[in-house]
Amino acid sequence: MNDHDLTLRETARGIAIRAAVIGAGSLILTAVVAAESMRIAGTMMKVAAGTGLLLVGGGMAAWEVKKMKRRLSAPPSRPVLV
C-alpha cells in the first residue's frame, strides 16, 4: 500500500489542520445561528409590542364606547326650566 510510515510530525500536522478547519467551520456556523436568532428575537419583540399596543387601544376604545352608552342612556341630570 504505502511504502513509507507516517511520522509523529506528519500525524500531528494532519490533526492540527483538521482541528483548524473544524474550528473555523463551527465558528462561522455559530455566528450564522446567533445572527438568525437575534433577527427572530427582534421580530418577536416587535410582534409582542404591536399586540400590546392593540390590546391597550382596544381596551380604551371599549371603555369610551361604554362610557358614551351610559351617558346617552341616562336621564338628563339638569332640571328643565318651564
C-alpha atoms as a PDB file:
ATOM      1  CA  MET A   1       0.000   0.000   0.000  1.00  0.00           C
ATOM      2  CA  ASN A   2       2.050   2.828   1.343  1.00  0.00           C
ATOM      3  CA  ASP A   3       5.776   2.264   1.449  1.00  0.00           C
ATOM      4  CA  HIS A   4       6.609   4.991   3.981  1.00  0.00           C
ATOM      5  CA  ASP A   5       5.440   5.215   7.551  1.00  0.00           C
ATOM      6  CA  LEU A   6       3.823   8.333   8.956  1.00  0.00           C
ATOM      7  CA  THR A   7       5.980  10.229  11.343  1.00  0.00           C
ATOM      8  CA  LEU A   8       4.727  11.799  14.520  1.00  0.00           C
ATOM      9  CA  ARG A   9       5.186  15.256  12.986  1.00  0.00           C
ATOM     10  CA  GLU A  10       3.032  14.421   9.956  1.00  0.00           C
ATOM     11  CA  THR A  11       0.328  12.944  12.165  1.00  0.00           C
ATOM     12  CA  ALA A  12       0.304  15.988  14.440  1.00  0.00           C
ATOM     13  CA  ARG A  13       0.186  18.325  11.436  1.00  0.00           C
ATOM     14  CA  GLY A  14      -2.780  16.423   9.972  1.00  0.00           C
ATOM     15  CA  ILE A  15      -4.620  16.589  13.284  1.00  0.00           C
ATOM     16  CA  ALA A  16      -3.887  20.334  13.606  1.00  0.00           C
ATOM     17  CA  ILE A  17      -5.166  21.041  10.088  1.00  0.00           C
ATOM     18  CA  ARG A  18      -8.373  19.105  10.707  1.00  0.00           C
ATOM     19  CA  ALA A  19      -8.896  20.837  14.043  1.00  0.00           C
ATOM     20  CA  ALA A  20      -8.410  24.272  12.424  1.00  0.00           C
ATOM     21  CA  VAL A  21     -10.911  23.507   9.663  1.00  0.00           C
ATOM     22  CA  ILE A  22     -13.493  22.180  12.127  1.00  0.00           C
ATOM     23  CA  GLY A  23     -12.912  25.161  14.453  1.00  0.00           C
ATOM     24  CA  ALA A  24     -13.324  27.732  11.681  1.00  0.00           C
ATOM     25  CA  GLY A  25     -16.427  25.970  10.356  1.00  0.00           C
ATOM     26  CA  SER A  26     -18.029  25.807  13.780  1.00  0.00           C
ATOM     27  CA  LEU A  27     -17.230  29.482  14.390  1.00  0.00           C
ATOM     28  CA  ILE A  28     -18.930  30.503  11.135  1.00  0.00           C
ATOM     29  CA  LEU A  29     -21.919  28.249  11.821  1.00  0.00           C
ATOM     30  CA  THR A  30     -22.288  29.642  15.345  1.00  0.00           C
ATOM     31  CA  ALA A  31     -22.191  33.212  14.027  1.00  0.00           C
ATOM     32  CA  VAL A  32     -24.904  32.457  11.464  1.00  0.00           C
ATOM     33  CA  VAL A  33     -27.127  30.779  14.064  1.00  0.00           C
ATOM     34  CA  ALA A  34     -26.635  33.670  16.513  1.00  0.00           C
ATOM     35  CA  ALA A  35     -27.444  36.277  13.848  1.00  0.00           C
ATOM     36  CA  GLU A  36     -30.619  34.473  12.818  1.00  0.00           C
ATOM     37  CA  SER A  37     -31.657  34.022  16.446  1.00  0.00           C
ATOM     38  CA  MET A  38     -31.246  37.752  17.107  1.00  0.00           C
ATOM     39  CA  ARG A  39     -33.219  38.619  13.971  1.00  0.00           C
ATOM     40  CA  ILE A  40     -36.039  36.294  15.007  1.00  0.00           C
ATOM     41  CA  ALA A  41     -35.975  37.657  18.572  1.00  0.00           C
ATOM     42  CA  GLY A  42     -36.210  41.224  17.240  1.00  0.00           C
ATOM     43  CA  THR A  43     -39.204  40.291  15.111  1.00  0.00           C
ATOM     44  CA  MET A  44     -40.861  38.584  18.081  1.00  0.00           C
ATOM     45  CA  MET A  45     -40.347  41.708  20.207  1.00  0.00           C
ATOM     46  CA  LYS A  46     -41.953  43.862  17.508  1.00  0.00           C
ATOM     47  CA  VAL A  47     -44.923  41.484  17.333  1.00  0.00           C
ATOM     48  CA  ALA A  48     -45.265  41.490  21.134  1.00  0.00           C
ATOM     49  CA  ALA A  49     -45.116  45.303  21.286  1.00  0.00           C
ATOM     50  CA  GLY A  50     -47.693  45.617  18.488  1.00  0.00           C
ATOM     51  CA  THR A  51     -50.020  43.160  20.197  1.00  0.00           C
ATOM     52  CA  GLY A  52     -49.701  45.064  23.463  1.00  0.00           C
ATOM     53  CA  LEU A  53     -50.494  48.360  21.772  1.00  0.00           C
ATOM     54  CA  LEU A  54     -53.516  46.828  20.051  1.00  0.00           C
ATOM     55  CA  LEU A  55     -54.787  45.429  23.351  1.00  0.00           C
ATOM     56  CA  VAL A  56     -54.399  48.780  25.115  1.00  0.00           C
ATOM     57  CA  GLY A  57     -56.026  50.655  22.224  1.00  0.00           C
ATOM     58  CA  GLY A  58     -58.906  48.183  22.053  1.00  0.00           C
ATOM     59  CA  GLY A  59     -59.452  48.407  25.797  1.00  0.00           C
ATOM     60  CA  MET A  60     -59.527  52.191  25.697  1.00  0.00           C
ATOM     61  CA  ALA A  61     -61.947  52.174  22.740  1.00  0.00           C
ATOM     62  CA  ALA A  62     -64.271  49.742  24.535  1.00  0.00           C
ATOM     63  CA  TRP A  63     -64.131  51.880  27.673  1.00  0.00           C
ATOM     64  CA  GLU A  64     -65.033  55.028  25.695  1.00  0.00           C
ATOM     65  CA  VAL A  65     -67.945  53.257  23.956  1.00  0.00           C
ATOM     66  CA  LYS A  66     -69.276  52.003  27.300  1.00  0.00           C
ATOM     67  CA  LYS A  67     -68.943  55.488  28.801  1.00  0.00           C
ATOM     68  CA  MET A  68     -70.793  57.043  25.860  1.00  0.00           C
ATOM     69  CA  LYS A  69     -73.585  54.445  26.073  1.00  0.00           C
ATOM     70  CA  ARG A  70     -74.061  55.245  29.773  1.00  0.00           C
ATOM     71  CA  ARG A  71     -74.124  58.966  29.045  1.00  0.00           C
ATOM     72  CA  LEU A  72     -76.693  58.619  26.240  1.00  0.00           C
ATOM     73  CA  SER A  73     -78.974  56.211  28.112  1.00  0.00           C
ATOM     74  CA  ALA A  74     -79.038  58.150  31.430  1.00  0.00           C
ATOM     75  CA  PRO A  75     -81.911  60.547  32.092  1.00  0.00           C
ATOM     76  CA  PRO A  76     -80.998  64.232  31.922  1.00  0.00           C
ATOM     77  CA  SER A  77     -79.437  65.342  35.174  1.00  0.00           C
ATOM     78  CA  ARG A  78     -80.179  69.074  34.816  1.00  0.00           C
ATOM     79  CA  PRO A  79     -83.533  70.478  35.761  1.00  0.00           C
ATOM     80  CA  VAL A  80     -85.607  71.770  32.908  1.00  0.00           C
ATOM     81  CA  LEU A  81     -86.914  75.341  33.217  1.00  0.00           C
ATOM     82  CA  VAL A  82     -90.573  75.765  32.492  1.00  0.00           C
END
